[in-house]
């Protein structure tokens, strides 16, 4: 699913993450900066290209980066864990 947008320029909040990926950016929701922090026990996976989940965050770890407006950032819970959901804190800026 897509993240709720707080304003046209930025969005932030806390959301639950499952095995279904949450979209942070893509063709319809291009952003220039993304911050994601895992606030739960379950590991989460992040992709910047919509297919290769190369970034894994454990509890308390965070990822922040300026990104290309063409990036396709998505987050999902690690399916190899005992549960299939987690919670993240996020901030995105256009």
C-alpha atoms as a PDB file:
ATOM      1  CA  UNK A   1       0.000   0.000   0.000  1.00  0.00           C
ATOM      2  CA  UNK A   2       0.932   3.618  -0.269  1.00  0.00           C
ATOM      3  CA  UNK A   3       1.757   5.901   2.640  1.00  0.00           C
ATOM      4  CA  UNK A   4      -0.698   8.610   3.673  1.00  0.00           C
ATOM      5  CA  UNK A   5       0.494  12.027   2.541  1.00  0.00           C
ATOM      6  CA  UNK A   6       0.580  14.730   5.240  1.00  0.00           C
ATOM      7  CA  UNK A   7       1.188  17.488   2.694  1.00  0.00           C
ATOM      8  CA  UNK A   8       2.279  17.794  -0.927  1.00  0.00           C
ATOM      9  CA  UNK A   9       5.891  18.442   0.163  1.00  0.00           C
ATOM     10  CA  UNK A  10       6.484  15.952   3.007  1.00  0.00           C
ATOM     11  CA  UNK A  11       4.993  13.155   5.077  1.00  0.00           C
ATOM     12  CA  UNK A  12       5.926  11.494   8.352  1.00  0.00           C
ATOM     13  CA  UNK A  13       4.483   9.097  10.876  1.00  0.00           C
ATOM     14  CA  UNK A  14       4.478   5.583  12.246  1.00  0.00           C
ATOM     15  CA  UNK A  15       2.977   2.699  10.269  1.00  0.00           C
ATOM     16  CA  UNK A  16       2.725  -1.078  10.490  1.00  0.00           C
ATOM     17  CA  UNK A  17       4.644  -3.052   7.883  1.00  0.00           C
ATOM     18  CA  UNK A  18       3.790  -6.572   6.710  1.00  0.00           C
ATOM     19  CA  UNK A  19       4.948  -8.844   3.882  1.00  0.00           C
ATOM     20  CA  UNK A  20       3.012  -6.570   1.507  1.00  0.00           C
ATOM     21  CA  UNK A  21       5.391  -3.783   0.593  1.00  0.00           C
ATOM     22  CA  UNK A  22       4.653  -0.143   1.434  1.00  0.00           C
ATOM     23  CA  UNK A  23       5.550   2.306  -1.340  1.00  0.00           C
ATOM     24  CA  UNK A  24       7.550   5.376  -0.349  1.00  0.00           C
ATOM     25  CA  UNK A  25       8.312   6.645  -3.844  1.00  0.00           C
ATOM     26  CA  UNK A  26       7.669   5.740  -7.418  1.00  0.00           C
ATOM     27  CA  UNK A  27       6.281   7.263 -10.574  1.00  0.00           C
ATOM     28  CA  UNK A  28       3.252   8.730  -8.774  1.00  0.00           C
ATOM     29  CA  UNK A  29       4.932   9.641  -5.477  1.00  0.00           C
ATOM     30  CA  UNK A  30       8.467  10.816  -6.308  1.00  0.00           C
ATOM     31  CA  UNK A  31      10.481  11.929  -3.274  1.00  0.00           C
ATOM     32  CA  UNK A  32      14.029  13.299  -2.900  1.00  0.00           C
ATOM     33  CA  UNK A  33      14.759  12.226   0.695  1.00  0.00           C
ATOM     34  CA  UNK A  34      13.691   9.251   2.777  1.00  0.00           C
ATOM     35  CA  UNK A  35      14.245   8.311   6.455  1.00  0.00           C
ATOM     36  CA  UNK A  36      13.078   4.928   7.746  1.00  0.00           C
ATOM     37  CA  UNK A  37      13.581   3.580  11.289  1.00  0.00           C
ATOM     38  CA  UNK A  38      12.588   0.115  12.459  1.00  0.00           C
ATOM     39  CA  UNK A  39      10.839   0.507  15.824  1.00  0.00           C
ATOM     40  CA  UNK A  40       9.847  -3.127  16.340  1.00  0.00           C
ATOM     41  CA  UNK A  41      11.508  -6.541  16.894  1.00  0.00           C
ATOM     42  CA  UNK A  42      10.836  -7.781  13.345  1.00  0.00           C
ATOM     43  CA  UNK A  43      13.536  -7.046  10.737  1.00  0.00           C
ATOM     44  CA  UNK A  44      12.443  -4.996   7.735  1.00  0.00           C
ATOM     45  CA  UNK A  45      13.724  -4.964   4.165  1.00  0.00           C
ATOM     46  CA  UNK A  46      14.100  -1.918   1.905  1.00  0.00           C
ATOM     47  CA  UNK A  47      14.424  -1.721  -1.876  1.00  0.00           C
ATOM     48  CA  UNK A  48      15.410   1.359  -3.873  1.00  0.00           C
ATOM     49  CA  UNK A  49      14.591  -0.189  -7.261  1.00  0.00           C
ATOM     50  CA  UNK A  50      11.280  -1.997  -6.576  1.00  0.00           C
ATOM     51  CA  UNK A  51      12.791  -5.486  -6.753  1.00  0.00           C
ATOM     52  CA  UNK A  52      16.122  -5.971  -4.928  1.00  0.00           C
ATOM     53  CA  UNK A  53      15.598  -5.750  -1.160  1.00  0.00           C
ATOM     54  CA  UNK A  54      19.273  -5.145  -0.305  1.00  0.00           C
ATOM     55  CA  UNK A  55      18.884  -3.099   2.897  1.00  0.00           C
ATOM     56  CA  UNK A  56      17.841  -4.840   6.131  1.00  0.00           C
ATOM     57  CA  UNK A  57      17.120  -2.949   9.353  1.00  0.00           C
ATOM     58  CA  UNK A  58      16.873  -4.604  12.765  1.00  0.00           C
ATOM     59  CA  UNK A  59      15.171  -3.031  15.792  1.00  0.00           C
ATOM     60  CA  UNK A  60      16.400   0.523  16.392  1.00  0.00           C
ATOM     61  CA  UNK A  61      18.340   0.793  13.132  1.00  0.00           C
ATOM     62  CA  UNK A  62      17.597   3.538  10.609  1.00  0.00           C
ATOM     63  CA  UNK A  63      18.267   4.363   6.965  1.00  0.00           C
ATOM     64  CA  UNK A  64      18.306   7.896   5.573  1.00  0.00           C
ATOM     65  CA  UNK A  65      19.331   9.101   2.138  1.00  0.00           C
ATOM     66  CA  UNK A  66      18.794  11.596  -0.578  1.00  0.00           C
ATOM     67  CA  UNK A  67      17.467   9.581  -3.497  1.00  0.00           C
ATOM     68  CA  UNK A  68      16.855  10.003  -7.193  1.00  0.00           C
ATOM     69  CA  UNK A  69      13.319  11.069  -7.990  1.00  0.00           C
ATOM     70  CA  UNK A  70      13.287   7.997 -10.253  1.00  0.00           C
ATOM     71  CA  UNK A  71      13.932   5.628  -7.326  1.00  0.00           C
ATOM     72  CA  UNK A  72      11.170   3.229  -6.343  1.00  0.00           C
ATOM     73  CA  UNK A  73      11.499   2.856  -2.557  1.00  0.00           C
ATOM     74  CA  UNK A  74       9.473   0.139  -0.845  1.00  0.00           C
ATOM     75  CA  UNK A  75       9.572  -1.427   2.631  1.00  0.00           C
ATOM     76  CA  UNK A  76       8.320  -4.824   3.816  1.00  0.00           C
ATOM     77  CA  UNK A  77       8.715  -7.115   6.810  1.00  0.00           C
ATOM     78  CA  UNK A  78      11.312  -9.876   6.509  1.00  0.00           C
ATOM     79  CA  UNK A  79       9.378 -13.048   5.648  1.00  0.00           C
ATOM     80  CA  UNK A  80      12.144 -15.180   7.217  1.00  0.00           C
ATOM     81  CA  UNK A  81      11.274 -13.953  10.706  1.00  0.00           C
ATOM     82  CA  UNK A  82       8.887 -15.665  13.150  1.00  0.00           C
ATOM     83  CA  UNK A  83       6.224 -12.994  12.609  1.00  0.00           C
ATOM     84  CA  UNK A  84       5.421 -11.163   9.408  1.00  0.00           C
ATOM     85  CA  UNK A  85       4.841  -7.622  10.609  1.00  0.00           C
ATOM     86  CA  UNK A  86       6.777  -4.753  12.120  1.00  0.00           C
ATOM     87  CA  UNK A  87       6.440  -1.033  12.815  1.00  0.00           C
ATOM     88  CA  UNK A  88       8.444   1.782  11.264  1.00  0.00           C
ATOM     89  CA  UNK A  89       8.862   5.483  11.793  1.00  0.00           C
ATOM     90  CA  UNK A  90       9.314   7.394   8.541  1.00  0.00           C
ATOM     91  CA  UNK A  91       9.861  10.818   6.995  1.00  0.00           C
ATOM     92  CA  UNK A  92       9.830  11.576   3.280  1.00  0.00           C
ATOM     93  CA  UNK A  93      10.348  14.879   1.496  1.00  0.00           C
ATOM     94  CA  UNK A  94       9.709  15.881  -2.115  1.00  0.00           C
END
